[in-house]
Amino acid sequence: MTELDILSRKIHELRDWQTAAWRQVADPVLTVFERREIRNHIKESDGELRRYLAMMSDWLRLQARAVEKAGDSFAKLEFRLLA
């Protein structure tokens, strides 16, 4: 697995977990304490999710720059005919 695959998987897992956690918070059977604990865990996972998204953004930005540099280098080729 590449670094991009791992980041994508982690982001997907965190989003799924947060969706399930918010559904749990809406459950009327939970006590106030349990809701607060779930919300605290959601806040912690939100920070982690933001960190992973920033890493993904940086990785994609670096890849785009590498492609741009490679594309520009081919445009500057000079050919000479040898007799």
N, C-alpha and C. Protein backbone atom coordinates (compact mmCIF):
# COMPACT_ATOMS: atom_id res chain seq x y z
N MET A 1 0.83 -1.19 0.00
CA MET A 1 0.00 0.00 0.00
C MET A 1 0.87 1.25 0.00
N THR A 2 0.45 2.21 -0.75
CA THR A 2 1.19 3.47 -0.79
C THR A 2 0.72 4.37 0.34
N GLU A 3 1.47 5.42 0.56
CA GLU A 3 1.13 6.39 1.61
C GLU A 3 -0.24 7.02 1.33
N LEU A 4 -0.52 7.28 0.08
CA LEU A 4 -1.80 7.88 -0.30
C LEU A 4 -2.95 6.92 0.02
N ASP A 5 -2.78 5.64 -0.23
CA ASP A 5 -3.81 4.65 0.09
C ASP A 5 -4.08 4.59 1.59
N ILE A 6 -3.01 4.62 2.37
CA ILE A 6 -3.16 4.57 3.83
C ILE A 6 -3.89 5.80 4.33
N LEU A 7 -3.51 6.97 3.83
CA LEU A 7 -4.19 8.21 4.24
C LEU A 7 -5.66 8.18 3.84
N SER A 8 -5.95 7.74 2.65
CA SER A 8 -7.33 7.67 2.19
C SER A 8 -8.16 6.73 3.06
N ARG A 9 -7.58 5.59 3.39
CA ARG A 9 -8.28 4.63 4.22
C ARG A 9 -8.56 5.18 5.62
N LYS A 10 -7.54 5.85 6.21
CA LYS A 10 -7.71 6.43 7.55
C LYS A 10 -8.78 7.52 7.54
N ILE A 11 -8.77 8.36 6.52
CA ILE A 11 -9.77 9.43 6.41
C ILE A 11 -11.16 8.83 6.29
N HIS A 12 -11.29 7.82 5.46
CA HIS A 12 -12.59 7.16 5.28
C HIS A 12 -13.06 6.53 6.59
N GLU A 13 -12.16 5.86 7.30
CA GLU A 13 -12.52 5.23 8.57
C GLU A 13 -12.96 6.26 9.61
N LEU A 14 -12.23 7.37 9.70
CA LEU A 14 -12.60 8.40 10.67
C LEU A 14 -13.95 9.02 10.33
N ARG A 15 -14.21 9.27 9.07
CA ARG A 15 -15.50 9.83 8.68
C ARG A 15 -16.64 8.88 9.00
N ASP A 16 -16.44 7.60 8.72
CA ASP A 16 -17.47 6.60 9.04
C ASP A 16 -17.70 6.52 10.54
N TRP A 17 -16.61 6.54 11.31
CA TRP A 17 -16.73 6.47 12.76
C TRP A 17 -17.49 7.69 13.30
N GLN A 18 -17.17 8.88 12.78
CA GLN A 18 -17.85 10.08 13.24
C GLN A 18 -19.34 10.05 12.89
N THR A 19 -19.67 9.54 11.73
CA THR A 19 -21.08 9.43 11.35
C THR A 19 -21.82 8.52 12.32
N ALA A 20 -21.22 7.39 12.64
CA ALA A 20 -21.84 6.46 13.58
C ALA A 20 -21.93 7.07 14.98
N ALA A 21 -20.91 7.81 15.38
CA ALA A 21 -20.91 8.42 16.71
C ALA A 21 -22.01 9.47 16.82
N TRP A 22 -22.19 10.29 15.78
CA TRP A 22 -23.25 11.31 15.83
C TRP A 22 -24.63 10.63 15.88
N ARG A 23 -24.77 9.51 15.23
CA ARG A 23 -26.04 8.77 15.31
C ARG A 23 -26.26 8.26 16.73
N GLN A 24 -25.18 7.84 17.38
CA GLN A 24 -25.29 7.38 18.76
C GLN A 24 -25.69 8.51 19.69
N VAL A 25 -25.15 9.70 19.47
CA VAL A 25 -25.49 10.86 20.31
C VAL A 25 -26.99 11.14 20.24
N ALA A 26 -27.60 10.89 19.12
CA ALA A 26 -29.03 11.15 18.95
C ALA A 26 -29.91 10.10 19.63
N ASP A 27 -29.33 9.03 20.12
CA ASP A 27 -30.09 7.97 20.77
C ASP A 27 -30.67 8.47 22.10
N PRO A 28 -31.99 8.44 22.27
CA PRO A 28 -32.60 8.97 23.51
C PRO A 28 -32.32 8.13 24.74
N VAL A 29 -31.83 6.92 24.58
CA VAL A 29 -31.55 6.04 25.71
C VAL A 29 -30.28 6.46 26.47
N LEU A 30 -29.37 7.15 25.80
CA LEU A 30 -28.10 7.53 26.42
C LEU A 30 -28.29 8.56 27.52
N THR A 31 -27.41 8.49 28.51
CA THR A 31 -27.42 9.49 29.58
C THR A 31 -26.67 10.73 29.12
N VAL A 32 -26.78 11.79 29.88
CA VAL A 32 -26.08 13.03 29.55
C VAL A 32 -24.56 12.79 29.57
N PHE A 33 -24.10 12.03 30.55
CA PHE A 33 -22.67 11.73 30.64
C PHE A 33 -22.18 10.97 29.41
N GLU A 34 -22.93 9.97 28.98
CA GLU A 34 -22.53 9.18 27.80
C GLU A 34 -22.49 10.05 26.55
N ARG A 35 -23.47 10.93 26.40
CA ARG A 35 -23.47 11.85 25.24
C ARG A 35 -22.24 12.74 25.26
N ARG A 36 -21.92 13.27 26.45
CA ARG A 36 -20.77 14.16 26.57
C ARG A 36 -19.48 13.42 26.23
N GLU A 37 -19.35 12.18 26.70
CA GLU A 37 -18.16 11.39 26.40
C GLU A 37 -18.04 11.12 24.90
N ILE A 38 -19.14 10.81 24.27
CA ILE A 38 -19.11 10.57 22.82
C ILE A 38 -18.70 11.84 22.09
N ARG A 39 -19.26 12.98 22.49
CA ARG A 39 -18.89 14.25 21.85
C ARG A 39 -17.42 14.58 22.06
N ASN A 40 -16.89 14.27 23.25
CA ASN A 40 -15.46 14.48 23.49
C ASN A 40 -14.61 13.62 22.56
N HIS A 41 -15.01 12.39 22.36
CA HIS A 41 -14.28 11.50 21.43
C HIS A 41 -14.40 12.02 20.00
N ILE A 42 -15.55 12.56 19.65
CA ILE A 42 -15.73 13.13 18.31
C ILE A 42 -14.79 14.30 18.11
N LYS A 43 -14.66 15.16 19.13
CA LYS A 43 -13.75 16.30 19.04
C LYS A 43 -12.31 15.85 18.85
N GLU A 44 -11.91 14.81 19.58
CA GLU A 44 -10.55 14.28 19.42
C GLU A 44 -10.33 13.72 18.02
N SER A 45 -11.31 12.98 17.54
CA SER A 45 -11.16 12.39 16.20
C SER A 45 -11.21 13.47 15.12
N ASP A 46 -11.91 14.57 15.40
CA ASP A 46 -11.95 15.67 14.44
C ASP A 46 -10.55 16.28 14.24
N GLY A 47 -9.82 16.43 15.34
CA GLY A 47 -8.44 16.93 15.22
C GLY A 47 -7.57 15.99 14.42
N GLU A 48 -7.74 14.71 14.66
CA GLU A 48 -6.97 13.71 13.93
C GLU A 48 -7.35 13.71 12.44
N LEU A 49 -8.65 13.84 12.17
CA LEU A 49 -9.12 13.88 10.79
C LEU A 49 -8.56 15.10 10.07
N ARG A 50 -8.55 16.24 10.73
CA ARG A 50 -7.97 17.45 10.12
C ARG A 50 -6.49 17.26 9.81
N ARG A 51 -5.79 16.61 10.71
CA ARG A 51 -4.36 16.37 10.50
C ARG A 51 -4.14 15.47 9.28
N TYR A 52 -4.94 14.40 9.17
CA TYR A 52 -4.83 13.52 8.01
C TYR A 52 -5.21 14.23 6.72
N LEU A 53 -6.24 15.07 6.75
CA LEU A 53 -6.62 15.82 5.56
C LEU A 53 -5.53 16.80 5.14
N ALA A 54 -4.87 17.42 6.12
CA ALA A 54 -3.76 18.33 5.80
C ALA A 54 -2.60 17.55 5.17
N MET A 55 -2.32 16.37 5.70
CA MET A 55 -1.27 15.54 5.12
C MET A 55 -1.60 15.15 3.69
N MET A 56 -2.87 14.80 3.45
CA MET A 56 -3.31 14.43 2.11
C MET A 56 -3.17 15.62 1.16
N SER A 57 -3.57 16.78 1.63
CA SER A 57 -3.48 17.99 0.81
C SER A 57 -2.02 18.29 0.45
N ASP A 58 -1.13 18.22 1.43
CA ASP A 58 0.29 18.46 1.17
C ASP A 58 0.84 17.44 0.18
N TRP A 59 0.48 16.19 0.36
CA TRP A 59 0.98 15.13 -0.53
C TRP A 59 0.51 15.38 -1.96
N LEU A 60 -0.77 15.72 -2.12
CA LEU A 60 -1.30 15.97 -3.46
C LEU A 60 -0.68 17.21 -4.09
N ARG A 61 -0.44 18.23 -3.28
CA ARG A 61 0.17 19.46 -3.79
C ARG A 61 1.59 19.17 -4.28
N LEU A 62 2.35 18.38 -3.53
CA LEU A 62 3.71 18.04 -3.95
C LEU A 62 3.71 17.21 -5.22
N GLN A 63 2.77 16.30 -5.36
CA GLN A 63 2.68 15.48 -6.57
C GLN A 63 2.35 16.34 -7.78
N ALA A 64 1.46 17.31 -7.60
CA ALA A 64 1.08 18.19 -8.72
C ALA A 64 2.28 19.02 -9.16
N ARG A 65 3.09 19.49 -8.22
CA ARG A 65 4.28 20.27 -8.58
C ARG A 65 5.28 19.41 -9.34
N ALA A 66 5.44 18.17 -8.92
CA ALA A 66 6.39 17.28 -9.60
C ALA A 66 5.96 17.04 -11.03
N VAL A 67 4.67 16.90 -11.27
CA VAL A 67 4.16 16.69 -12.63
C VAL A 67 4.36 17.95 -13.46
N GLU A 68 4.11 19.13 -12.87
CA GLU A 68 4.30 20.38 -13.61
C GLU A 68 5.76 20.56 -14.01
N LYS A 69 6.68 20.27 -13.10
CA LYS A 69 8.10 20.43 -13.42
C LYS A 69 8.52 19.47 -14.53
N ALA A 70 8.03 18.27 -14.50
CA ALA A 70 8.37 17.30 -15.54
C ALA A 70 7.80 17.75 -16.88
N GLY A 71 6.61 18.29 -16.90
CA GLY A 71 5.98 18.75 -18.13
C GLY A 71 6.74 19.92 -18.73
N ASP A 72 7.21 20.85 -17.92
CA ASP A 72 7.96 22.00 -18.40
C ASP A 72 9.31 21.59 -18.96
N SER A 73 9.94 20.60 -18.39
CA SER A 73 11.28 20.22 -18.85
C SER A 73 11.24 19.64 -20.26
N PHE A 74 10.16 18.96 -20.61
CA PHE A 74 10.06 18.41 -21.96
C PHE A 74 9.82 19.50 -23.00
N ALA A 75 9.23 20.60 -22.62
CA ALA A 75 8.97 21.69 -23.56
C ALA A 75 10.25 22.42 -23.95
N LYS A 76 11.30 22.31 -23.17
CA LYS A 76 12.54 23.05 -23.43
C LYS A 76 13.61 22.22 -24.13
N LEU A 77 13.24 21.09 -24.67
CA LEU A 77 14.21 20.26 -25.36
C LEU A 77 14.65 20.91 -26.67
N GLU A 78 15.93 20.82 -26.92
CA GLU A 78 16.46 21.35 -28.18
C GLU A 78 17.12 20.20 -28.92
N PHE A 79 16.73 20.04 -30.18
CA PHE A 79 17.27 18.95 -30.99
C PHE A 79 18.25 19.51 -32.02
N ARG A 80 19.28 18.74 -32.30
CA ARG A 80 20.25 19.13 -33.33
C ARG A 80 20.36 17.97 -34.30
N LEU A 81 20.40 18.32 -35.54
CA LEU A 81 20.60 17.29 -36.59
C LEU A 81 22.10 17.15 -36.83
N LEU A 82 22.56 15.95 -36.78
CA LEU A 82 23.97 15.68 -37.03
C LEU A 82 24.12 15.13 -38.45
N ALA A 83 25.08 15.65 -39.14
CA ALA A 83 25.29 15.23 -40.51
C ALA A 83 26.23 14.06 -40.63
